[in-house]
N, C-alpha and C. Protein backbone atom coordinates (compact mmCIF):
# COMPACT_ATOMS: atom_id res chain seq x y z
N MET A 1 78.86 104.69 75.21
CA MET A 1 78.55 104.11 73.72
C MET A 1 78.42 104.53 72.36
N GLU A 2 79.76 104.47 71.42
CA GLU A 2 80.49 104.86 71.02
C GLU A 2 79.12 105.13 69.89
N LYS A 3 78.38 105.86 69.02
CA LYS A 3 78.15 105.92 68.31
C LYS A 3 79.00 106.28 66.28
N VAL A 4 78.25 105.54 65.81
CA VAL A 4 78.96 105.22 64.17
C VAL A 4 78.14 105.42 63.25
N GLN A 5 77.62 105.72 62.32
CA GLN A 5 77.04 105.62 61.52
C GLN A 5 78.10 106.45 59.53
N ILE A 6 77.75 105.68 58.59
CA ILE A 6 78.41 105.82 57.57
C ILE A 6 77.47 106.80 56.43
N GLU A 7 77.70 107.70 56.14
CA GLU A 7 77.20 108.65 55.17
C GLU A 7 77.91 109.19 53.77
N GLN A 8 77.10 109.60 53.01
CA GLN A 8 77.38 109.97 51.70
C GLN A 8 78.04 111.36 52.45
N ILE A 9 79.34 112.15 51.23
CA ILE A 9 79.70 112.93 52.04
C ILE A 9 80.03 113.78 50.60
N ARG A 10 80.44 115.08 50.40
CA ARG A 10 81.12 115.47 49.53
C ARG A 10 82.50 115.34 49.50
N PHE A 11 82.98 114.94 48.43
CA PHE A 11 84.60 114.69 47.83
C PHE A 11 85.69 115.48 47.94
N ASP A 12 85.35 116.57 48.77
CA ASP A 12 85.71 117.89 49.65
C ASP A 12 86.56 117.06 50.86
N LEU A 13 85.45 116.70 51.59
CA LEU A 13 85.59 116.08 52.44
C LEU A 13 86.68 115.02 52.49
N THR A 14 87.06 114.58 51.64
CA THR A 14 87.76 113.93 52.31
C THR A 14 89.08 113.96 51.67
N TRP A 15 89.67 115.32 51.52
CA TRP A 15 90.59 115.84 51.70
C TRP A 15 91.40 115.86 52.87
N ARG A 16 90.44 116.41 53.56
CA ARG A 16 91.35 116.54 55.04
C ARG A 16 92.07 115.33 55.26
N ILE A 17 91.73 114.38 54.99
CA ILE A 17 92.25 112.50 55.72
C ILE A 17 93.07 112.23 54.52
N ARG A 18 92.31 111.77 53.49
CA ARG A 18 93.57 111.75 51.86
C ARG A 18 94.96 112.16 52.71
N HIS A 19 94.84 113.55 52.24
CA HIS A 19 96.37 114.11 52.42
C HIS A 19 96.95 113.77 53.97
N GLU A 20 95.90 113.60 55.11
CA GLU A 20 96.88 113.65 56.62
C GLU A 20 97.21 112.49 57.18
N VAL A 21 96.47 111.44 55.98
CA VAL A 21 96.86 109.23 56.09
C VAL A 21 97.85 108.65 54.91
N MET A 22 97.50 109.35 54.29
CA MET A 22 98.10 109.02 52.59
C MET A 22 99.65 109.54 52.31
N TYR A 23 100.28 111.04 52.32
CA TYR A 23 100.55 110.79 51.74
C TYR A 23 101.29 113.03 52.76
N PRO A 24 101.45 112.61 53.63
CA PRO A 24 100.97 113.75 54.57
C PRO A 24 102.28 114.78 54.30
N ASP A 25 103.42 113.36 53.72
CA ASP A 25 104.78 114.87 53.12
C ASP A 25 104.82 115.24 52.04
N SER A 26 103.64 115.10 51.04
CA SER A 26 103.43 116.16 50.23
C SER A 26 102.32 116.78 49.79
N ALA A 27 102.37 117.93 48.79
CA ALA A 27 101.32 118.35 48.47
C ALA A 27 100.24 118.54 48.37
N TYR A 28 99.23 119.60 49.54
CA TYR A 28 97.74 118.38 49.51
C TYR A 28 96.85 118.67 47.94
N GLU A 29 97.66 119.30 47.17
CA GLU A 29 96.72 119.03 45.42
C GLU A 29 97.11 117.55 45.05
N VAL A 30 98.06 116.81 45.47
CA VAL A 30 98.53 115.72 45.20
C VAL A 30 96.98 114.53 45.09
N ILE A 31 96.62 115.01 46.75
CA ILE A 31 95.11 113.90 47.17
C ILE A 31 93.82 114.10 46.03
N LYS A 32 93.70 114.90 45.25
CA LYS A 32 92.90 115.24 45.18
C LYS A 32 92.75 114.60 43.69
N LEU A 33 91.46 114.51 43.34
CA LEU A 33 91.40 113.15 42.17
C LEU A 33 91.14 114.37 40.88
N GLU A 34 90.95 113.99 39.81
CA GLU A 34 90.05 114.56 38.61
C GLU A 34 88.93 114.60 38.51
N ASP A 35 88.52 113.08 39.07
CA ASP A 35 87.09 112.35 38.91
C ASP A 35 85.80 112.97 39.66
N ASP A 36 86.79 113.48 41.12
CA ASP A 36 86.49 113.84 42.51
C ASP A 36 85.20 114.66 42.87
N PRO A 37 84.71 114.80 41.48
CA PRO A 37 83.02 115.38 40.92
C PRO A 37 82.40 114.42 40.90
N LYS A 38 82.86 113.19 40.26
CA LYS A 38 81.50 112.29 39.60
C LYS A 38 81.81 111.72 40.50
N GLY A 39 82.53 110.98 41.30
CA GLY A 39 82.37 110.35 42.52
C GLY A 39 80.53 109.82 43.36
N ILE A 40 81.14 108.89 43.89
CA ILE A 40 80.46 109.11 45.26
C ILE A 40 81.46 108.41 46.52
N HIS A 41 81.20 109.72 47.63
CA HIS A 41 82.34 109.97 49.04
C HIS A 41 80.90 109.21 49.96
N PHE A 42 81.58 108.17 50.85
CA PHE A 42 81.11 107.89 52.22
C PHE A 42 82.56 108.43 53.91
N GLY A 43 81.75 108.71 54.63
CA GLY A 43 82.53 109.00 55.40
C GLY A 43 81.69 108.45 56.67
N LEU A 44 82.74 107.56 57.25
CA LEU A 44 82.30 107.05 59.05
C LEU A 44 82.64 108.23 59.65
N PHE A 45 81.63 108.35 60.58
CA PHE A 45 81.46 109.29 61.85
C PHE A 45 81.65 109.03 62.96
N ALA A 46 82.92 108.50 63.87
CA ALA A 46 82.50 107.93 65.07
C ALA A 46 82.80 109.37 66.35
N ASN A 47 81.30 108.94 66.84
CA ASN A 47 81.10 110.30 67.64
C ASN A 47 81.31 112.03 66.95
N ASP A 48 80.41 111.83 66.34
CA ASP A 48 80.76 112.70 64.96
C ASP A 48 81.87 113.67 64.44
N GLN A 49 82.87 113.21 64.74
CA GLN A 49 84.10 113.02 64.20
C GLN A 49 84.26 112.10 62.84
N LEU A 50 84.35 112.96 61.01
CA LEU A 50 85.19 112.03 59.99
C LEU A 50 85.85 111.10 60.08
N VAL A 51 86.67 110.02 60.40
CA VAL A 51 87.65 109.06 60.79
C VAL A 51 87.72 108.31 59.22
N THR A 52 87.43 108.22 58.91
CA THR A 52 87.07 106.73 56.92
C THR A 52 86.44 107.91 56.63
N VAL A 53 87.79 107.65 55.36
CA VAL A 53 86.55 108.44 53.85
C VAL A 53 86.74 107.04 52.34
N VAL A 54 86.29 107.01 52.27
CA VAL A 54 86.52 106.92 50.54
C VAL A 54 85.84 106.74 49.79
N SER A 55 86.73 106.47 48.32
CA SER A 55 85.86 107.56 47.07
C SER A 55 85.86 106.47 46.49
N LEU A 56 84.58 106.27 45.55
CA LEU A 56 83.44 105.39 44.38
C LEU A 56 83.67 105.91 43.42
N PHE A 57 83.95 105.05 42.56
CA PHE A 57 83.59 105.57 40.98
C PHE A 57 82.98 104.15 40.18
N ASN A 58 82.49 104.20 39.42
CA ASN A 58 81.74 103.63 38.27
C ASN A 58 81.88 103.61 37.13
N GLU A 59 81.65 102.46 36.44
CA GLU A 59 81.63 102.21 34.94
C GLU A 59 81.12 101.38 34.57
N GLY A 60 79.83 101.69 34.83
CA GLY A 60 78.27 100.24 33.63
C GLY A 60 78.32 99.69 35.36
N LYS A 61 78.26 97.97 35.54
CA LYS A 61 78.31 97.30 36.42
C LYS A 61 79.17 97.23 37.59
N ILE A 62 80.94 97.76 37.03
CA ILE A 62 82.25 97.67 37.62
C ILE A 62 82.37 99.63 38.28
N TYR A 63 82.70 98.59 39.96
CA TYR A 63 82.99 99.93 40.67
C TYR A 63 84.33 99.76 41.15
N ARG A 64 85.12 101.00 41.68
CA ARG A 64 86.46 101.35 41.81
C ARG A 64 86.06 102.06 43.14
N PHE A 65 86.86 101.92 43.97
CA PHE A 65 87.12 102.12 45.48
C PHE A 65 88.44 103.27 44.97
N ARG A 66 88.75 104.31 46.21
CA ARG A 66 90.01 104.88 45.36
C ARG A 66 89.71 106.08 47.40
N LYS A 67 91.68 106.09 47.54
CA LYS A 67 91.56 106.78 48.40
C LYS A 67 90.86 106.54 49.59
N PHE A 68 90.95 105.43 50.47
CA PHE A 68 90.48 104.44 51.53
C PHE A 68 90.95 104.79 52.38
N ALA A 69 90.64 105.78 53.77
CA ALA A 69 91.78 105.87 54.86
C ALA A 69 90.63 105.69 55.77
N THR A 70 91.94 106.16 56.91
CA THR A 70 91.73 106.01 58.34
C THR A 70 92.65 106.89 59.28
N ILE A 71 91.57 108.03 60.11
CA ILE A 71 92.84 108.27 60.78
C ILE A 71 93.45 107.96 61.52
N VAL A 72 94.80 108.00 61.77
CA VAL A 72 96.46 107.70 62.33
C VAL A 72 95.63 106.85 64.40
N ALA A 73 94.92 107.67 64.45
CA ALA A 73 94.20 107.85 65.88
C ALA A 73 92.86 107.15 66.21
N ALA A 74 92.37 106.56 64.79
CA ALA A 74 91.35 106.35 64.49
C ALA A 74 91.80 104.56 64.45
N GLN A 75 92.34 104.47 63.93
CA GLN A 75 92.97 102.89 63.26
C GLN A 75 92.97 101.84 64.72
N GLY A 76 92.69 100.29 64.31
CA GLY A 76 93.16 99.66 64.61
C GLY A 76 91.15 99.36 65.21
N LYS A 77 90.79 100.25 64.90
CA LYS A 77 89.08 99.82 65.96
C LYS A 77 88.21 99.09 64.88
N GLY A 78 88.54 98.93 63.92
CA GLY A 78 87.37 97.99 63.02
C GLY A 78 86.50 99.32 62.09
N TYR A 79 87.26 100.53 61.77
CA TYR A 79 86.48 101.77 60.91
C TYR A 79 86.20 101.63 59.25
N GLY A 80 87.13 100.79 59.43
CA GLY A 80 87.48 99.68 57.90
C GLY A 80 86.36 98.99 57.23
N SER A 81 87.39 98.44 58.74
CA SER A 81 86.05 96.69 57.60
C SER A 81 84.82 97.36 57.81
N LEU A 82 84.10 98.28 59.10
CA LEU A 82 82.51 98.68 59.13
C LEU A 82 82.10 99.20 57.38
N MET A 83 83.29 100.22 57.22
CA MET A 83 83.75 101.44 55.56
C MET A 83 83.44 99.78 54.79
N LEU A 84 84.58 99.10 54.63
CA LEU A 84 84.38 98.32 53.09
C LEU A 84 82.90 97.44 53.21
N ASN A 85 82.66 96.65 54.29
CA ASN A 85 81.79 96.25 54.00
C ASN A 85 80.18 97.10 53.67
N HIS A 86 80.57 97.86 54.21
CA HIS A 86 79.22 98.81 53.41
C HIS A 86 79.25 99.55 51.78
N ILE A 87 80.01 99.53 51.19
CA ILE A 87 80.26 99.62 50.26
C ILE A 87 80.39 98.73 49.12
N ILE A 88 80.57 97.03 49.84
CA ILE A 88 80.13 96.44 48.84
C ILE A 88 78.82 96.17 49.19
N ASN A 89 78.43 96.37 50.34
CA ASN A 89 76.17 96.28 50.68
C ASN A 89 76.41 97.05 49.20
N TYR A 90 76.31 98.04 49.37
CA TYR A 90 75.89 99.16 48.42
C TYR A 90 76.56 99.06 47.01
N VAL A 91 77.57 98.48 46.27
CA VAL A 91 77.78 98.32 44.71
C VAL A 91 77.09 96.90 44.93
N LYS A 92 76.74 96.37 45.18
CA LYS A 92 75.42 95.00 45.37
C LYS A 92 73.96 95.59 44.94
N THR A 93 73.56 96.18 45.67
CA THR A 93 72.48 96.59 45.75
C THR A 93 72.07 97.37 44.53
N MET A 94 73.64 98.19 43.91
CA MET A 94 73.52 98.86 43.00
C MET A 94 74.01 98.41 41.62
N GLY A 95 73.43 96.81 41.27
CA GLY A 95 73.35 95.72 40.93
C GLY A 95 75.25 95.62 39.92
N ALA A 96 75.94 95.47 40.59
CA ALA A 96 77.83 95.22 40.28
C ALA A 96 77.77 94.72 40.34
N GLU A 97 79.13 94.08 39.14
CA GLU A 97 79.05 92.92 39.13
C GLU A 97 80.49 92.97 39.07
N LYS A 98 81.58 93.92 40.05
CA LYS A 98 82.59 93.18 40.26
C LYS A 98 82.82 94.91 40.90
N LEU A 99 83.94 94.71 41.94
CA LEU A 99 84.43 96.35 42.35
C LEU A 99 85.36 95.48 43.26
N TRP A 100 86.84 96.91 42.44
CA TRP A 100 87.76 96.71 42.46
C TRP A 100 88.76 97.81 43.26
N CYS A 101 90.42 97.93 43.65
CA CYS A 101 90.69 98.82 43.99
C CYS A 101 92.33 99.25 43.42
N ASN A 102 93.13 99.52 43.47
CA ASN A 102 94.66 99.72 43.79
C ASN A 102 95.52 100.16 44.55
N ALA A 103 94.71 98.23 45.40
CA ALA A 103 95.70 98.65 47.01
C ALA A 103 96.75 98.83 47.44
N ARG A 104 97.85 99.45 48.33
CA ARG A 104 98.21 98.91 48.93
C ARG A 104 99.37 97.20 49.19
N VAL A 105 100.21 97.09 48.61
CA VAL A 105 100.85 96.25 48.87
C VAL A 105 100.65 95.00 50.21
N SER A 106 100.85 96.24 51.06
CA SER A 106 100.83 96.42 52.58
C SER A 106 99.23 96.23 53.28
N ALA A 107 98.20 95.84 52.49
CA ALA A 107 96.88 96.17 52.73
C ALA A 107 96.10 94.89 52.16
N ALA A 108 96.82 93.95 51.73
CA ALA A 108 96.35 92.84 51.00
C ALA A 108 95.41 91.67 51.63
N ASP A 109 96.16 91.40 53.09
CA ASP A 109 95.48 90.51 53.66
C ASP A 109 94.21 91.03 53.88
N PHE A 110 93.91 92.85 54.64
CA PHE A 110 92.91 93.11 54.72
C PHE A 110 91.88 92.91 53.87
N TYR A 111 91.42 93.66 52.82
CA TYR A 111 91.17 93.77 51.59
C TYR A 111 91.23 91.33 51.30
N GLY A 112 91.74 90.69 51.11
CA GLY A 112 91.93 89.20 51.19
C GLY A 112 90.40 88.64 52.36
N ARG A 113 90.16 89.23 53.10
CA ARG A 113 90.05 88.86 54.56
C ARG A 113 88.32 89.52 54.21
N PHE A 114 87.92 90.28 53.03
CA PHE A 114 86.36 90.46 52.77
C PHE A 114 86.23 89.55 51.12
N GLY A 115 87.32 88.86 51.04
CA GLY A 115 86.61 88.12 48.71
C GLY A 115 87.76 88.35 48.03
N PHE A 116 88.39 89.39 48.22
CA PHE A 116 89.23 90.30 47.33
C PHE A 116 90.49 89.51 47.02
N VAL A 117 90.16 89.18 45.69
CA VAL A 117 91.62 88.69 45.22
C VAL A 117 92.66 89.31 44.63
N GLN A 118 94.02 88.78 44.92
CA GLN A 118 95.32 89.72 43.90
C GLN A 118 95.32 89.64 42.54
N THR A 119 95.20 90.51 41.86
CA THR A 119 95.52 89.90 40.03
C THR A 119 97.10 89.89 40.22
N ASP A 120 97.67 89.70 39.14
CA ASP A 120 99.24 90.26 38.41
C ASP A 120 99.18 91.43 38.01
N GLN A 121 98.37 92.09 38.26
CA GLN A 121 98.99 93.40 37.94
C GLN A 121 99.05 94.37 39.29
N ARG A 122 100.51 94.99 39.18
CA ARG A 122 101.03 95.59 40.19
C ARG A 122 101.41 96.60 39.60
N SER A 123 102.11 97.86 40.49
CA SER A 123 102.29 98.78 39.88
C SER A 123 103.52 99.43 40.69
N LEU A 124 104.40 100.65 41.04
CA LEU A 124 104.79 100.95 41.63
C LEU A 124 104.40 102.43 41.95
N SER A 125 104.39 103.33 42.82
CA SER A 125 103.87 104.48 42.66
C SER A 125 104.33 105.95 43.78
N LYS A 126 105.32 106.22 43.80
CA LYS A 126 105.64 107.50 44.85
C LYS A 126 106.51 105.93 46.14
N GLY A 127 107.73 105.38 45.48
CA GLY A 127 107.73 104.83 46.76
C GLY A 127 106.81 103.69 46.94
N ILE A 128 105.07 103.66 46.46
CA ILE A 128 105.06 101.93 47.32
C ILE A 128 104.44 101.34 46.33
N ASP A 129 104.62 100.39 46.72
CA ASP A 129 104.20 99.50 46.21
C ASP A 129 102.15 98.57 45.99
N PHE A 130 101.61 98.69 44.27
CA PHE A 130 101.10 98.59 44.72
C PHE A 130 100.15 96.92 44.01
N VAL A 131 99.02 96.71 44.22
CA VAL A 131 98.51 95.40 43.27
C VAL A 131 96.90 95.27 43.10
N ILE A 132 96.28 95.41 42.07
CA ILE A 132 95.01 95.68 41.81
C ILE A 132 93.93 94.15 42.21
N MET A 133 93.19 93.81 43.29
CA MET A 133 92.67 93.49 44.45
C MET A 133 91.24 93.89 43.36
N GLN A 134 90.22 92.41 43.38
CA GLN A 134 89.14 92.91 42.48
C GLN A 134 87.79 91.06 43.76
N LEU A 135 87.24 91.90 43.58
CA LEU A 135 85.94 90.58 43.99
C LEU A 135 84.77 90.85 43.02
N GLU A 136 84.74 89.56 42.54
CA GLU A 136 83.78 89.14 42.19
C GLU A 136 81.91 89.09 42.64
N LEU A 137 81.22 89.71 41.97
CA LEU A 137 80.15 90.26 42.94
C LEU A 137 79.23 88.95 42.44
N ASN A 138 78.51 88.06 43.13
CA ASN A 138 76.99 87.20 42.66
C ASN A 138 75.91 88.21 42.57
N ASN A 139 74.64 88.95 42.85
CA ASN A 139 74.12 89.57 43.25
C ASN A 139 73.00 88.37 43.27
């Protein structure tokens, strides 16, 4: 049986997966965030291999997650769902009122399954359509 666990990790451990999955044809520096040192970063390990990462940032009772990625070989196995449930539960324990992200439009249905709602705030970056999605939390 596969061993899966989610742990808090150092921000620099997210970079390889961010680059490989999100912007493989861009310079490595593109995936580094100025706020990385201030964030809370999680990694999902499957059989001791880091396969999914996400970075979480907060301002008061509002949390935002960024750079949510799963390596291609591990996609479709439910790791993203496990990670998203983990961060939803984590921010609830921290007293969050809202969790949001700037999602790729192509991933909007995935987030919708967890109760996230699309806003009317859309943008285009590096040829990719994005929409802000948010989840109101009732602790």
